[in-house]
Amino acid sequence: MAAGCALAEVSRAGFYRHWGEHEPLQAEMELRHRIQQIALEEGNRKYGYRRVSRQLRREGWKVNHKRVLRLMREDNLLCVRQRKFVLTTDSNHFWPVYPNLAARLIVETINQLWVADITYIRLLEQFVYLAVILDAFSRKVIGWELDDTLEARLAVGALERALAERGAPLGLVHHSDRGVQYCCRDYVGLLESHGILISMSRKGNPYDNAQAESFIKTLKNEEVHLRDYRTLQEARESSGHFIEQVYNEKRLHSALDYRPPAEFEAALAKAPAVLQPGKIRYEFSEA
């Protein structure tokens, strides 16, 4: 150890001080990450802290059930009931909940329906949270925000970006889950001030917001899980590049006739609308 410190030109006291500040946090992050994986794996959605503790010990982790209980409570993983991305959804609040308008809406063009969701991203020593808003017709991400908090400002920041880019066309519906971030006064007030209709998923139904969750799955598989973000700024720059330059501008989407969302919207603006009974169809050229 002394030789290693000499080569690195650091004192032994400095080395141990750095180790004491960072290694325990990184070890805690590794444990929390594995607990989340176990709790959200298919077939494990009803696991409580005792079963998770047993699974961890089967894998060689030296951990007691009290520590697992504390971590699962902090990450909102207790009593998961067949829901995806539950880490960021707290529907146990006193704010009003709105009916599901999106379920009855036939989406025929952009700016009819926006869908919103929140997910977590792991850094080296903490979790940060990403809020996104997509146009349901084009699948384009029109607003996003990354922060180290789940407070209202996270979701509000994403909504403000979407409004700055798109405005608030007449009849626009905003759909989200029932999380406190979307039901609170700050968020609902911003929607209402722009005349946006509010829609929320049915309780415990993971399919009501499938488009937003599909994007999050793509983001995790093609960006987040391939990186080791160390800081919030690094995560913001890298994930922002993926959202704006890769997903929106380059990634082909099967539901858009294998076009990127930005190209699909550009073609939509030029394509003549062909009227049919009860719906609108757009004819795209191959150019």
C-alpha atoms as a PDB file:
ATOM      1  CA  MET A   1       0.000   0.000   0.000  1.00  0.00           C
ATOM      2  CA  ALA A   2       2.825   2.393   0.888  1.00  0.00           C
ATOM      3  CA  ALA A   3       4.508   1.740  -2.479  1.00  0.00           C
ATOM      4  CA  GLY A   4       1.245   2.345  -4.345  1.00  0.00           C
ATOM      5  CA  CYS A   5       0.666   5.623  -2.525  1.00  0.00           C
ATOM      6  CA  ALA A   6       4.229   6.704  -3.313  1.00  0.00           C
ATOM      7  CA  LEU A   7       3.760   5.959  -7.025  1.00  0.00           C
ATOM      8  CA  ALA A   8       0.508   7.893  -7.085  1.00  0.00           C
ATOM      9  CA  GLU A   9       2.105  10.702  -5.061  1.00  0.00           C
ATOM     10  CA  VAL A  10      -0.603  10.655  -2.405  1.00  0.00           C
ATOM     11  CA  SER A  11      -0.326  10.169   1.314  1.00  0.00           C
ATOM     12  CA  ARG A  12      -1.699   7.044   2.976  1.00  0.00           C
ATOM     13  CA  ALA A  13      -3.967   9.256   5.072  1.00  0.00           C
ATOM     14  CA  GLY A  14      -5.291  10.936   1.934  1.00  0.00           C
ATOM     15  CA  PHE A  15      -5.883   7.576   0.259  1.00  0.00           C
ATOM     16  CA  TYR A  16      -7.860   6.194   3.189  1.00  0.00           C
ATOM     17  CA  ARG A  17      -9.826   9.429   3.532  1.00  0.00           C
ATOM     18  CA  HIS A  18     -10.826   9.229  -0.154  1.00  0.00           C
ATOM     19  CA  TRP A  19     -11.663   5.536   0.200  1.00  0.00           C
ATOM     20  CA  GLY A  20     -13.771   6.215   3.278  1.00  0.00           C
ATOM     21  CA  GLU A  21     -15.717   8.926   1.472  1.00  0.00           C
ATOM     22  CA  HIS A  22     -16.424   7.088  -1.781  1.00  0.00           C
ATOM     23  CA  GLU A  23     -16.130   3.309  -1.497  1.00  0.00           C
ATOM     24  CA  PRO A  24     -19.028   2.866   0.957  1.00  0.00           C
ATOM     25  CA  LEU A  25     -21.285   4.983  -1.279  1.00  0.00           C
ATOM     26  CA  GLN A  26     -20.349   2.968  -4.350  1.00  0.00           C
ATOM     27  CA  ALA A  27     -20.932  -0.299  -2.474  1.00  0.00           C
ATOM     28  CA  GLU A  28     -24.345   0.986  -1.357  1.00  0.00           C
ATOM     29  CA  MET A  29     -25.182   1.880  -4.953  1.00  0.00           C
ATOM     30  CA  GLU A  30     -24.256  -1.621  -6.122  1.00  0.00           C
ATOM     31  CA  LEU A  31     -26.548  -3.136  -3.492  1.00  0.00           C
ATOM     32  CA  ARG A  32     -29.446  -0.770  -4.248  1.00  0.00           C
ATOM     33  CA  HIS A  33     -29.106  -1.462  -7.948  1.00  0.00           C
ATOM     34  CA  ARG A  34     -29.252  -5.221  -7.411  1.00  0.00           C
ATOM     35  CA  ILE A  35     -32.243  -4.880  -5.059  1.00  0.00           C
ATOM     36  CA  GLN A  36     -34.102  -2.946  -7.768  1.00  0.00           C
ATOM     37  CA  GLN A  37     -33.264  -5.574 -10.372  1.00  0.00           C
ATOM     38  CA  ILE A  38     -34.545  -8.379  -8.125  1.00  0.00           C
ATOM     39  CA  ALA A  39     -37.725  -6.527  -7.132  1.00  0.00           C
ATOM     40  CA  LEU A  40     -38.655  -5.652 -10.717  1.00  0.00           C
ATOM     41  CA  GLU A  41     -37.698  -8.904 -12.432  1.00  0.00           C
ATOM     42  CA  GLU A  42     -40.533 -10.801 -14.097  1.00  0.00           C
ATOM     43  CA  GLY A  43     -42.059 -13.119 -11.513  1.00  0.00           C
ATOM     44  CA  ASN A  44     -40.654 -11.154  -8.566  1.00  0.00           C
ATOM     45  CA  ARG A  45     -43.086  -8.227  -8.566  1.00  0.00           C
ATOM     46  CA  LYS A  46     -44.662  -9.401  -5.292  1.00  0.00           C
ATOM     47  CA  TYR A  47     -41.369  -9.954  -3.464  1.00  0.00           C
ATOM     48  CA  GLY A  48     -41.143  -8.265  -0.085  1.00  0.00           C
ATOM     49  CA  TYR A  49     -37.951  -7.396   1.735  1.00  0.00           C
ATOM     50  CA  ARG A  50     -37.608 -10.877   3.268  1.00  0.00           C
ATOM     51  CA  ARG A  51     -37.587 -12.675  -0.095  1.00  0.00           C
ATOM     52  CA  VAL A  52     -35.271 -10.058  -1.568  1.00  0.00           C
ATOM     53  CA  SER A  53     -32.931 -10.514   1.406  1.00  0.00           C
ATOM     54  CA  ARG A  54     -32.905 -14.273   0.889  1.00  0.00           C
ATOM     55  CA  GLN A  55     -32.174 -13.884  -2.820  1.00  0.00           C
ATOM     56  CA  LEU A  56     -29.298 -11.521  -2.081  1.00  0.00           C
ATOM     57  CA  ARG A  57     -27.771 -13.958   0.392  1.00  0.00           C
ATOM     58  CA  ARG A  58     -28.136 -16.780  -2.148  1.00  0.00           C
ATOM     59  CA  GLU A  59     -26.039 -14.639  -4.493  1.00  0.00           C
ATOM     60  CA  GLY A  60     -23.342 -14.090  -1.884  1.00  0.00           C
ATOM     61  CA  TRP A  61     -24.275 -10.655  -0.566  1.00  0.00           C
ATOM     62  CA  LYS A  62     -23.617 -10.142   3.143  1.00  0.00           C
ATOM     63  CA  VAL A  63     -26.674  -8.149   4.122  1.00  0.00           C
ATOM     64  CA  ASN A  64     -29.395  -8.342   6.774  1.00  0.00           C
ATOM     65  CA  HIS A  65     -33.109  -7.884   6.253  1.00  0.00           C
ATOM     66  CA  LYS A  66     -33.235  -4.564   8.155  1.00  0.00           C
ATOM     67  CA  ARG A  67     -30.864  -2.941   5.684  1.00  0.00           C
ATOM     68  CA  VAL A  68     -32.810  -4.346   2.726  1.00  0.00           C
ATOM     69  CA  LEU A  69     -36.062  -3.073   4.252  1.00  0.00           C
ATOM     70  CA  ARG A  70     -34.582   0.418   4.632  1.00  0.00           C
ATOM     71  CA  LEU A  71     -33.320   0.542   1.056  1.00  0.00           C
ATOM     72  CA  MET A  72     -36.551  -0.840  -0.424  1.00  0.00           C
ATOM     73  CA  ARG A  73     -38.565   1.714   1.544  1.00  0.00           C
ATOM     74  CA  GLU A  74     -36.326   4.560   0.336  1.00  0.00           C
ATOM     75  CA  ASP A  75     -36.703   3.430  -3.298  1.00  0.00           C
ATOM     76  CA  ASN A  76     -40.468   2.795  -3.095  1.00  0.00           C
ATOM     77  CA  LEU A  77     -40.059  -0.920  -3.826  1.00  0.00           C
ATOM     78  CA  LEU A  78     -42.206  -2.379  -1.082  1.00  0.00           C
ATOM     79  CA  CYS A  79     -45.255  -4.362  -2.135  1.00  0.00           C
ATOM     80  CA  VAL A  80     -44.805  -3.857  -5.871  1.00  0.00           C
ATOM     81  CA  ARG A  81     -47.957  -5.021  -7.675  1.00  0.00           C
ATOM     82  CA  GLN A  82     -47.402  -5.693 -11.372  1.00  0.00           C
ATOM     83  CA  ARG A  83     -46.341  -2.187 -12.320  1.00  0.00           C
ATOM     84  CA  LYS A  84     -43.423  -0.976 -14.406  1.00  0.00           C
ATOM     85  CA  PHE A  85     -41.103   1.865 -13.403  1.00  0.00           C
ATOM     86  CA  VAL A  86     -42.676   2.040  -9.950  1.00  0.00           C
ATOM     87  CA  LEU A  87     -39.588   3.655  -8.486  1.00  0.00           C
ATOM     88  CA  THR A  88     -40.708   7.097  -9.565  1.00  0.00           C
ATOM     89  CA  THR A  89     -44.486   6.808  -9.152  1.00  0.00           C
ATOM     90  CA  ASP A  90     -46.038   7.834  -5.843  1.00  0.00           C
ATOM     91  CA  SER A  91     -49.820   7.834  -6.221  1.00  0.00           C
ATOM     92  CA  ASN A  92     -50.487   7.965  -2.468  1.00  0.00           C
ATOM     93  CA  HIS A  93     -51.252  11.669  -2.269  1.00  0.00           C
ATOM     94  CA  PHE A  94     -54.181  14.023  -1.662  1.00  0.00           C
ATOM     95  CA  TRP A  95     -54.132  15.805  -5.037  1.00  0.00           C
ATOM     96  CA  PRO A  96     -57.075  15.310  -7.429  1.00  0.00           C
ATOM     97  CA  VAL A  97     -56.732  12.538 -10.042  1.00  0.00           C
ATOM     98  CA  TYR A  98     -58.114  13.022 -13.565  1.00  0.00           C
ATOM     99  CA  PRO A  99     -59.956  10.502 -15.793  1.00  0.00           C
ATOM    100  CA  ASN A 100     -58.266   8.655 -18.642  1.00  0.00           C
ATOM    101  CA  LEU A 101     -59.108  10.667 -21.777  1.00  0.00           C
ATOM    102  CA  ALA A 102     -56.362   9.089 -23.881  1.00  0.00           C
ATOM    103  CA  ALA A 103     -58.062   5.669 -23.885  1.00  0.00           C
ATOM    104  CA  ARG A 104     -60.951   7.090 -25.959  1.00  0.00           C
ATOM    105  CA  LEU A 105     -58.876   9.374 -28.165  1.00  0.00           C
ATOM    106  CA  ILE A 106     -58.182   8.499 -31.814  1.00  0.00           C
ATOM    107  CA  VAL A 107     -54.808  10.127 -32.478  1.00  0.00           C
ATOM    108  CA  GLU A 108     -54.606  11.271 -36.113  1.00  0.00           C
ATOM    109  CA  THR A 109     -51.898  13.930 -36.116  1.00  0.00           C
ATOM    110  CA  ILE A 110     -49.291  15.648 -33.974  1.00  0.00           C
ATOM    111  CA  ASN A 111     -50.180  17.835 -30.989  1.00  0.00           C
ATOM    112  CA  GLN A 112     -53.329  15.881 -30.198  1.00  0.00           C
ATOM    113  CA  LEU A 113     -51.850  13.807 -27.394  1.00  0.00           C
ATOM    114  CA  TRP A 114     -48.685  14.256 -25.354  1.00  0.00           C
ATOM    115  CA  VAL A 115     -47.567  11.429 -23.058  1.00  0.00           C
ATOM    116  CA  ALA A 116     -45.310  11.916 -20.045  1.00  0.00           C
ATOM    117  CA  ASP A 117     -43.308   9.647 -17.766  1.00  0.00           C
ATOM    118  CA  ILE A 118     -40.401   9.621 -15.293  1.00  0.00           C
ATOM    119  CA  THR A 119     -37.619   7.089 -14.813  1.00  0.00           C
ATOM    120  CA  TYR A 120     -34.406   6.816 -12.814  1.00  0.00           C
ATOM    121  CA  ILE A 121     -30.819   6.753 -14.056  1.00  0.00           C
ATOM    122  CA  ARG A 122     -28.016   5.375 -11.958  1.00  0.00           C
ATOM    123  CA  LEU A 123     -24.816   7.336 -11.389  1.00  0.00           C
ATOM    124  CA  LEU A 124     -21.742   6.095  -9.580  1.00  0.00           C
ATOM    125  CA  GLU A 125     -22.918   7.175  -6.137  1.00  0.00           C
ATOM    126  CA  GLN A 126     -26.553   8.261  -6.502  1.00  0.00           C
ATOM    127  CA  PHE A 127     -29.708   8.078  -8.588  1.00  0.00           C
ATOM    128  CA  VAL A 128     -30.957  10.892 -10.785  1.00  0.00           C
ATOM    129  CA  TYR A 129     -34.318  11.163 -12.507  1.00  0.00           C
ATOM    130  CA  LEU A 130     -35.409  11.836 -16.076  1.00  0.00           C
ATOM    131  CA  ALA A 131     -38.813  13.289 -16.999  1.00  0.00           C
ATOM    132  CA  VAL A 132     -39.871  13.084 -20.650  1.00  0.00           C
ATOM    133  CA  ILE A 133     -42.809  14.205 -22.784  1.00  0.00           C
ATOM    134  CA  LEU A 134     -43.466  12.631 -26.201  1.00  0.00           C
ATOM    135  CA  ASP A 135     -45.868  13.451 -28.978  1.00  0.00           C
ATOM    136  CA  ALA A 136     -47.947  10.278 -29.178  1.00  0.00           C
ATOM    137  CA  PHE A 137     -48.419  10.483 -32.961  1.00  0.00           C
ATOM    138  CA  SER A 138     -44.821  11.061 -34.044  1.00  0.00           C
ATOM    139  CA  ARG A 139     -43.108   9.501 -30.981  1.00  0.00           C
ATOM    140  CA  LYS A 140     -40.819  12.522 -30.878  1.00  0.00           C
ATOM    141  CA  VAL A 141     -39.468  13.601 -27.492  1.00  0.00           C
ATOM    142  CA  ILE A 142     -40.565  17.230 -27.271  1.00  0.00           C
ATOM    143  CA  GLY A 143     -39.588  17.925 -23.660  1.00  0.00           C
ATOM    144  CA  TRP A 144     -37.228  16.423 -21.102  1.00  0.00           C
ATOM    145  CA  GLU A 145     -35.464  17.291 -17.855  1.00  0.00           C
ATOM    146  CA  LEU A 146     -32.845  15.497 -15.770  1.00  0.00           C
ATOM    147  CA  ASP A 147     -32.341  16.292 -12.092  1.00  0.00           C
ATOM    148  CA  ASP A 148     -31.329  14.716  -8.786  1.00  0.00           C
ATOM    149  CA  THR A 149     -34.795  15.189  -7.298  1.00  0.00           C
ATOM    150  CA  LEU A 150     -38.305  13.855  -7.825  1.00  0.00           C
ATOM    151  CA  GLU A 151     -39.826  17.155  -6.739  1.00  0.00           C
ATOM    152  CA  ALA A 152     -42.292  18.967  -8.990  1.00  0.00           C
ATOM    153  CA  ARG A 153     -39.585  21.031 -10.698  1.00  0.00           C
ATOM    154  CA  LEU A 154     -38.389  17.913 -12.548  1.00  0.00           C
ATOM    155  CA  ALA A 155     -41.673  17.294 -14.369  1.00  0.00           C
ATOM    156  CA  VAL A 156     -42.393  21.015 -14.715  1.00  0.00           C
ATOM    157  CA  GLY A 157     -39.020  21.518 -16.437  1.00  0.00           C
ATOM    158  CA  ALA A 158     -39.863  18.892 -19.071  1.00  0.00           C
ATOM    159  CA  LEU A 159     -43.299  20.429 -19.630  1.00  0.00           C
ATOM    160  CA  GLU A 160     -41.854  23.928 -20.011  1.00  0.00           C
ATOM    161  CA  ARG A 161     -39.484  22.646 -22.712  1.00  0.00           C
ATOM    162  CA  ALA A 162     -42.378  21.015 -24.565  1.00  0.00           C
ATOM    163  CA  LEU A 163     -44.443  24.199 -24.395  1.00  0.00           C
ATOM    164  CA  ALA A 164     -41.497  26.281 -25.606  1.00  0.00           C
ATOM    165  CA  GLU A 165     -41.106  24.000 -28.638  1.00  0.00           C
ATOM    166  CA  ARG A 166     -44.764  23.354 -29.493  1.00  0.00           C
ATOM    167  CA  GLY A 167     -46.968  25.869 -27.731  1.00  0.00           C
ATOM    168  CA  ALA A 168     -50.371  24.513 -26.656  1.00  0.00           C
ATOM    169  CA  PRO A 169     -52.660  23.834 -29.632  1.00  0.00           C
ATOM    170  CA  LEU A 170     -56.412  23.846 -29.023  1.00  0.00           C
ATOM    171  CA  GLY A 171     -57.726  20.485 -27.841  1.00  0.00           C
ATOM    172  CA  LEU A 172     -54.325  19.119 -26.773  1.00  0.00           C
ATOM    173  CA  VAL A 173     -54.510  16.256 -24.237  1.00  0.00           C
ATOM    174  CA  HIS A 174     -51.660  15.599 -21.774  1.00  0.00           C
ATOM    175  CA  HIS A 175     -51.511  12.021 -20.449  1.00  0.00           C
ATOM    176  CA  SER A 176     -49.448  10.708 -17.529  1.00  0.00           C
ATOM    177  CA  ASP A 177     -49.597   8.321 -14.615  1.00  0.00           C
ATOM    178  CA  ARG A 178     -51.088   9.343 -11.263  1.00  0.00           C
ATOM    179  CA  GLY A 179     -47.769  10.261  -9.677  1.00  0.00           C
ATOM    180  CA  VAL A 180     -47.647  13.211  -7.314  1.00  0.00           C
ATOM    181  CA  GLN A 181     -45.396  15.115  -9.733  1.00  0.00           C
ATOM    182  CA  TYR A 182     -48.209  15.193 -12.315  1.00  0.00           C
ATOM    183  CA  CYS A 183     -51.069  15.794  -9.882  1.00  0.00           C
ATOM    184  CA  CYS A 184     -49.519  18.575  -7.822  1.00  0.00           C
ATOM    185  CA  ARG A 185     -50.608  22.204  -8.011  1.00  0.00           C
ATOM    186  CA  ASP A 186     -47.535  23.435  -9.913  1.00  0.00           C
ATOM    187  CA  TYR A 187     -47.913  20.940 -12.758  1.00  0.00           C
ATOM    188  CA  VAL A 188     -51.687  20.939 -13.078  1.00  0.00           C
ATOM    189  CA  GLY A 189     -51.725  24.728 -12.860  1.00  0.00           C
ATOM    190  CA  LEU A 190     -49.288  25.001 -15.763  1.00  0.00           C
ATOM    191  CA  LEU A 191     -51.411  22.659 -17.886  1.00  0.00           C
ATOM    192  CA  GLU A 192     -54.626  24.491 -17.059  1.00  0.00           C
ATOM    193  CA  SER A 193     -53.091  27.923 -17.719  1.00  0.00           C
ATOM    194  CA  HIS A 194     -52.396  26.776 -21.298  1.00  0.00           C
ATOM    195  CA  GLY A 195     -55.830  25.208 -21.772  1.00  0.00           C
ATOM    196  CA  ILE A 196     -54.433  21.662 -21.987  1.00  0.00           C
ATOM    197  CA  LEU A 197     -56.814  18.806 -21.151  1.00  0.00           C
ATOM    198  CA  ILE A 198     -55.512  16.479 -18.438  1.00  0.00           C
ATOM    199  CA  SER A 199     -55.610  12.670 -18.698  1.00  0.00           C
ATOM    200  CA  MET A 200     -54.225  10.081 -16.285  1.00  0.00           C
ATOM    201  CA  SER A 201     -53.761   6.317 -16.379  1.00  0.00           C
ATOM    202  CA  ARG A 202     -56.059   3.926 -14.590  1.00  0.00           C
ATOM    203  CA  LYS A 203     -54.759   2.796 -11.232  1.00  0.00           C
ATOM    204  CA  GLY A 204     -52.231  -0.027 -11.474  1.00  0.00           C
ATOM    205  CA  ASN A 205     -52.487  -0.354 -15.272  1.00  0.00           C
ATOM    206  CA  PRO A 206     -48.999  -0.328 -16.894  1.00  0.00           C
ATOM    207  CA  TYR A 207     -50.370  -0.342 -20.457  1.00  0.00           C
ATOM    208  CA  ASP A 208     -52.151   3.019 -20.369  1.00  0.00           C
ATOM    209  CA  ASN A 209     -48.895   4.882 -21.000  1.00  0.00           C
ATOM    210  CA  ALA A 210     -47.213   2.340 -23.267  1.00  0.00           C
ATOM    211  CA  GLN A 211     -45.635   4.802 -25.706  1.00  0.00           C
ATOM    212  CA  ALA A 212     -43.729   6.699 -23.021  1.00  0.00           C
ATOM    213  CA  GLU A 213     -42.639   3.456 -21.379  1.00  0.00           C
ATOM    214  CA  SER A 214     -41.515   2.096 -24.753  1.00  0.00           C
ATOM    215  CA  PHE A 215     -39.267   5.128 -25.214  1.00  0.00           C
ATOM    216  CA  ILE A 216     -37.815   4.686 -21.735  1.00  0.00           C
ATOM    217  CA  LYS A 217     -37.023   1.057 -22.511  1.00  0.00           C
ATOM    218  CA  THR A 218     -35.230   2.156 -25.688  1.00  0.00           C
ATOM    219  CA  LEU A 219     -33.309   4.834 -23.785  1.00  0.00           C
ATOM    220  CA  LYS A 220     -32.202   2.344 -21.131  1.00  0.00           C
ATOM    221  CA  ASN A 221     -31.160  -0.377 -23.612  1.00  0.00           C
ATOM    222  CA  GLU A 222     -29.429   1.829 -26.178  1.00  0.00           C
ATOM    223  CA  GLU A 223     -27.924   4.550 -23.996  1.00  0.00           C
ATOM    224  CA  VAL A 224     -28.101   4.283 -20.198  1.00  0.00           C
ATOM    225  CA  HIS A 225     -27.096   0.641 -19.790  1.00  0.00           C
ATOM    226  CA  LEU A 226     -24.103   1.160 -22.092  1.00  0.00           C
ATOM    227  CA  ARG A 227     -22.672   4.027 -20.022  1.00  0.00           C
ATOM    228  CA  ASP A 228     -21.158   4.562 -16.595  1.00  0.00           C
ATOM    229  CA  TYR A 229     -22.195   8.103 -15.757  1.00  0.00           C
ATOM    230  CA  ARG A 230     -20.208   9.604 -12.914  1.00  0.00           C
ATOM    231  CA  THR A 231     -21.954  12.956 -12.502  1.00  0.00           C
ATOM    232  CA  LEU A 232     -25.318  14.564 -13.126  1.00  0.00           C
ATOM    233  CA  GLN A 233     -23.792  16.819 -15.779  1.00  0.00           C
ATOM    234  CA  GLU A 234     -22.270  13.856 -17.608  1.00  0.00           C
ATOM    235  CA  ALA A 235     -25.608  12.018 -17.555  1.00  0.00           C
ATOM    236  CA  ARG A 236     -27.442  15.132 -18.763  1.00  0.00           C
ATOM    237  CA  GLU A 237     -25.080  15.696 -21.690  1.00  0.00           C
ATOM    238  CA  SER A 238     -24.969  12.072 -22.815  1.00  0.00           C
ATOM    239  CA  SER A 239     -28.660  11.264 -22.432  1.00  0.00           C
ATOM    240  CA  GLY A 240     -29.579  14.638 -23.946  1.00  0.00           C
ATOM    241  CA  HIS A 241     -27.446  13.865 -26.993  1.00  0.00           C
ATOM    242  CA  PHE A 242     -29.168  10.498 -27.372  1.00  0.00           C
ATOM    243  CA  ILE A 243     -32.643  12.010 -27.080  1.00  0.00           C
ATOM    244  CA  GLU A 244     -32.150  14.978 -29.387  1.00  0.00           C
ATOM    245  CA  GLN A 245     -29.543  13.818 -31.889  1.00  0.00           C
ATOM    246  CA  VAL A 246     -30.018  10.043 -32.031  1.00  0.00           C
ATOM    247  CA  TYR A 247     -33.584   9.105 -31.069  1.00  0.00           C
ATOM    248  CA  ASN A 248     -35.383  12.125 -32.545  1.00  0.00           C
ATOM    249  CA  GLU A 249     -33.186  12.634 -35.607  1.00  0.00           C
ATOM    250  CA  LYS A 250     -31.729   9.250 -36.615  1.00  0.00           C
ATOM    251  CA  ARG A 251     -33.354   6.216 -34.995  1.00  0.00           C
ATOM    252  CA  LEU A 252     -35.806   4.463 -37.309  1.00  0.00           C
ATOM    253  CA  HIS A 253     -39.191   3.697 -35.764  1.00  0.00           C
ATOM    254  CA  SER A 254     -41.261   0.794 -37.094  1.00  0.00           C
ATOM    255  CA  ALA A 255     -44.540   2.557 -36.271  1.00  0.00           C
ATOM    256  CA  LEU A 256     -43.453   5.517 -38.427  1.00  0.00           C
ATOM    257  CA  ASP A 257     -42.812   3.501 -41.582  1.00  0.00           C
ATOM    258  CA  TYR A 258     -39.179   3.187 -40.468  1.00  0.00           C
ATOM    259  CA  ARG A 259     -38.498   6.902 -40.277  1.00  0.00           C
ATOM    260  CA  PRO A 260     -37.009   8.905 -37.387  1.00  0.00           C
ATOM    261  CA  PRO A 261     -39.573  11.022 -35.521  1.00  0.00           C
ATOM    262  CA  ALA A 262     -38.178  14.345 -36.795  1.00  0.00           C
ATOM    263  CA  GLU A 263     -38.211  13.152 -40.418  1.00  0.00           C
ATOM    264  CA  PHE A 264     -41.715  11.747 -39.962  1.00  0.00           C
ATOM    265  CA  GLU A 265     -42.981  15.118 -38.716  1.00  0.00           C
ATOM    266  CA  ALA A 266     -41.273  16.954 -41.572  1.00  0.00           C
ATOM    267  CA  ALA A 267     -42.874  14.606 -44.108  1.00  0.00           C
ATOM    268  CA  LEU A 268     -46.211  14.947 -42.334  1.00  0.00           C
ATOM    269  CA  ALA A 269     -46.112  18.721 -42.803  1.00  0.00           C
ATOM    270  CA  LYS A 270     -45.661  18.279 -46.566  1.00  0.00           C
ATOM    271  CA  ALA A 271     -47.957  15.289 -47.144  1.00  0.00           C
ATOM    272  CA  PRO A 272     -51.496  15.880 -48.420  1.00  0.00           C
ATOM    273  CA  ALA A 273     -54.188  14.598 -46.099  1.00  0.00           C
ATOM    274  CA  VAL A 274     -56.536  12.025 -47.624  1.00  0.00           C
ATOM    275  CA  LEU A 275     -59.937  12.149 -45.970  1.00  0.00           C
ATOM    276  CA  GLN A 276     -61.655   8.891 -45.104  1.00  0.00           C
ATOM    277  CA  PRO A 277     -64.828   8.324 -43.052  1.00  0.00           C
ATOM    278  CA  GLY A 278     -63.936   8.819 -39.414  1.00  0.00           C
ATOM    279  CA  LYS A 279     -60.169   9.277 -39.850  1.00  0.00           C
ATOM    280  CA  ILE A 280     -57.404  11.087 -41.682  1.00  0.00           C
ATOM    281  CA  ARG A 281     -54.724   9.268 -43.665  1.00  0.00           C
ATOM    282  CA  TYR A 282     -51.488  10.896 -44.813  1.00  0.00           C
ATOM    283  CA  GLU A 283     -49.807   9.903 -48.051  1.00  0.00           C
ATOM    284  CA  PHE A 284     -46.026  10.053 -47.929  1.00  0.00           C
ATOM    285  CA  SER A 285     -43.722  10.037 -50.912  1.00  0.00           C
ATOM    286  CA  GLU A 286     -40.589   7.893 -50.868  1.00  0.00           C
ATOM    287  CA  ALA A 287     -38.380  10.900 -51.574  1.00  0.00           C
END
